[in-house]
Each structure stands twice: as C-alpha cells, then as structure tokens.
Amino acid sequence: MQAIQWIQKAVLTGMLGLFAVLLLFPVIITFTNSLMSEQELEINYGPMGELTEAASTEADTFINLKWVPDQVTLAQYGRLLVYTPNYLLMFWRSVELVLPIIVGQTAVAAMAAYALSKLRFRGRDAIFLIFLLSMLMPFQVTLVPNYLMADWLGLIHRPTAVILPGIFAAFGVFMLRQFMLHIPYAYIEAAKIDGAGHLRIFLTIILPMVKPGLAALVVLLFVDYWNMVEQPLIFLDPLRQPLSVFLSRLSGEWGTVFAASMLYMSPMVLLFLYAEAYFIEGVQLSGIKG
C-alpha cells in the first residue's frame, strides 16, 4: 500500500514538475538569451526573417533555441539602460500610472467592499449587481463612453484619463467583498458594544483581517495595469505612454529585445515572490478561481 502511494506521489510530482517547466520555459529562454552576445543571437534567430519566404517555397528553415549562452555578456543591458533613454523614461511613466491606480483602487475598493458586505441598507444587493454587470463588459465595450467622458472632462492626453477609470474599477470591490464575507459579523457587534463607530471598526478590525486579500489585490492590479496597452494608446500622447507600449514597438537588435523583456517582467516577478504567501491565501479565501 505504501509503495502504491509512493508511486502515485512520484508520478504526480513528475507531472507537476513537467508543467512547471513548460510554464517557465518562455521566462527561462528570455533570461538566458538576454545574456548572449548579439553575434550569437543573430546566428540563432537570424533565420526567423526567412520563415515567410521558406513557407512560400516549402523550404526547411529552423530556429536554434539555446538554453545556455556560449559566452555570458551584459552588454545589451548596458546598451538598453545607458544608450536608450526612452526605456527609463517610459519605465517611470509606467510607475506614474500604475502606482496611483493601485493605491486608489485598493482604498476605494476596501471601503466599498466593507459597505457592501457588512453594512445593512436598502438596495445593497442591487448596487453589488451593478458592480458585477460592469465587470462583465470588456474594455472594448466601454471604450467609446470612457473616451467621450474623458473628452468632456478635458482629460484626453493626460494621465488622469487612464488613472481615474482604473481607481474606480469594479474588480477590487468584488474581490475584497468576497473576502470580507468570511469575517464573522460578531466582531463588528462586539466593537459596537464597546462604542466603536464604522470608521474605527473598518480601520482597526476589518483592514488588519483582510491583509491577505489586499496583498492579492495589489499583485493582480499591478500585473493587469503594468501590462496595459490599449488605454495608453487611445488616451495618451506618445510622450506620456508607458513602458508596455514601448515594448510592443521595440524592434532591432535581438539582445536589446530580450534584455528589455527581462527588465520589464522583473518588477512583477519580485512583487509576486515578496507577497506569494499573502497572494495565495487571499485568492483562496476570496473564492476567485483562475
């Protein structure tokens, strides 16, 4: 019996390891290729430009995906950070857009989620239904109304045209409400007996108990808005567009492309590793499934 369980565990571990390698394969390739010299990358990926011609002539053309560079070099990182000033400029443009959205939506969502989960008033469920309906509509559906509203407010080509809709998005309200539903109402009743008001209850009882949910929300919001492309393209002029737009237009030397991609994903990876435990707990308790 123990041998069968050991075999089952070994098979399960092997399958999970295989899936992990498959999921991490693009990241590993990006990292190792970012350490290769431009000459080596040209040898490996030079035939890529010939794929269209090869397909039309039915000729065999192959790309050489290498895991380990022949010679490690950081020249492309130096070239990107020193001789490409647009990269650092748009990096801080991304920070200027993403940071206010995360702080604003987290604060607004926490207060709204508290009201929709713990306060009892008429129309509460109807308001939450409106939040859910707004989540069902993709960005393309609300694009024209958002653009007209931003134009009416005079926000076109300004960062606030992207920041304000992000702050008042419905996803954070939904996620934190689901998390707060797991908090027993007895805590609030006990605090009211001691004379605490809603503001004190929210700050001293609810917020400390929803730290995992807040951490999970911050990670998800960062990934979502760090990678946004459509909103900056439509609402901002080229001088104010973030790094995600810069990468979508990046072309030229392979080393620069791989180095830029690696630096671009580094903040997301570091944030997830820092908040991994909170993130997993917050997603589990909120009931959100991938």
Foldseek 3Di string as FASTA:
>chain_A
DVVVVVVVVVVVVVVVVVVVCVVCVVVQLLVQLLFADLVVQCVQCVCVVVPVVCVVVVHDDDGDRDRHYPGGDNVLVCCCVPVPVVQVLQAVLLVVQQVLLLVLQLVVLLVLLCCLQQNDDPCSVVVLVVLVVQVPDDCVVCVVVLVVVCVVVVCFQHSCSRRVCSSPRSPSNLQVNLLQNPPDNVQVVVVVVVPDDPVCCSVPPVVVSLVLQSLLSSLVSCVVSLQDDVSCVGRHDPSSHHNNPVLVPDDDGPSNNSSSVSVSCVVSVVSCVVSVVSNVVSCVSSVDDD
